[in-house]
């Protein structure tokens, strides 16, 4: 992850950490942390800007986290 430039590093780091977590004892806390950061950013965007591309990326990431949470 560290050698990849992220388009939205404010939240993508949290998302990628949750998606890459392989230890069951840490997975739920990483998913929760990522969901909080992503949800906060989505609320900021809705109220301050019309950056639809980032809003779409956030919505897709939240959906992926939800699927991951349901599978574990």
Protein backbone atom coordinates (compact mmCIF):
# COMPACT_ATOMS: atom_id res chain seq x y z
CA UNK A 1 0.00 0.00 0.00
CA UNK A 2 2.74 2.47 0.88
CA UNK A 3 4.19 2.64 -2.64
CA UNK A 4 0.82 3.37 -4.24
CA UNK A 5 -0.43 6.93 -4.61
CA UNK A 6 -4.02 7.09 -3.43
CA UNK A 7 -6.51 9.48 -4.97
CA UNK A 8 -8.33 9.97 -1.65
CA UNK A 9 -5.78 9.20 1.08
CA UNK A 10 -7.97 10.74 3.82
CA UNK A 11 -10.12 7.64 3.83
CA UNK A 12 -8.61 5.12 1.42
CA UNK A 13 -5.88 4.09 3.87
CA UNK A 14 -8.50 3.06 6.43
CA UNK A 15 -10.52 1.25 3.80
CA UNK A 16 -7.53 -0.65 2.43
CA UNK A 17 -6.35 -1.63 5.90
CA UNK A 18 -9.76 -3.14 6.65
CA UNK A 19 -9.98 -4.93 3.31
CA UNK A 20 -6.48 -6.40 3.72
CA UNK A 21 -6.88 -7.53 7.33
CA UNK A 22 -6.53 -11.30 7.65
CA UNK A 23 -6.66 -11.65 11.43
CA UNK A 24 -10.24 -12.29 12.53
CA UNK A 25 -9.62 -10.72 15.95
CA UNK A 26 -8.77 -7.36 14.30
CA UNK A 27 -11.12 -7.39 11.33
CA UNK A 28 -14.26 -6.04 13.00
CA UNK A 29 -12.46 -3.11 14.64
CA UNK A 30 -10.77 -2.17 11.36
CA UNK A 31 -14.07 -2.37 9.48
CA UNK A 32 -15.74 -0.18 12.11
CA UNK A 33 -12.94 2.37 12.03
CA UNK A 34 -13.05 2.51 8.24
CA UNK A 35 -16.84 2.86 8.19
CA UNK A 36 -16.64 5.79 10.60
CA UNK A 37 -14.00 7.62 8.54
CA UNK A 38 -15.79 6.95 5.25
CA UNK A 39 -19.18 7.99 6.60
CA UNK A 40 -17.76 11.20 8.02
CA UNK A 41 -16.10 12.08 4.72
CA UNK A 42 -19.29 11.32 2.79
CA UNK A 43 -21.27 13.64 5.08
CA UNK A 44 -18.64 16.36 4.57
CA UNK A 45 -18.87 16.06 0.80
CA UNK A 46 -22.65 16.10 0.70
CA UNK A 47 -22.76 19.36 2.63
CA UNK A 48 -19.76 21.19 1.13
CA UNK A 49 -19.12 20.18 -2.46
CA UNK A 50 -20.37 18.48 -5.57
CA UNK A 51 -17.42 16.08 -5.96
CA UNK A 52 -19.60 13.25 -7.20
CA UNK A 53 -16.65 11.07 -8.19
CA UNK A 54 -15.43 10.85 -4.61
CA UNK A 55 -18.99 10.37 -3.34
CA UNK A 56 -19.41 7.41 -5.69
CA UNK A 57 -16.06 5.95 -4.59
CA UNK A 58 -17.07 6.34 -0.94
CA UNK A 59 -20.44 4.67 -1.49
CA UNK A 60 -18.78 1.74 -3.27
CA UNK A 61 -16.20 1.38 -0.51
CA UNK A 62 -18.89 1.40 2.18
CA UNK A 63 -20.80 -1.27 0.29
CA UNK A 64 -17.66 -3.42 0.07
CA UNK A 65 -17.07 -3.05 3.81
CA UNK A 66 -20.66 -4.08 4.48
CA UNK A 67 -20.22 -7.22 2.38
CA UNK A 68 -16.94 -8.01 4.13
CA UNK A 69 -18.58 -7.57 7.54
CA UNK A 70 -21.47 -9.86 6.60
CA UNK A 71 -19.10 -12.61 5.46
CA UNK A 72 -17.12 -12.66 8.70
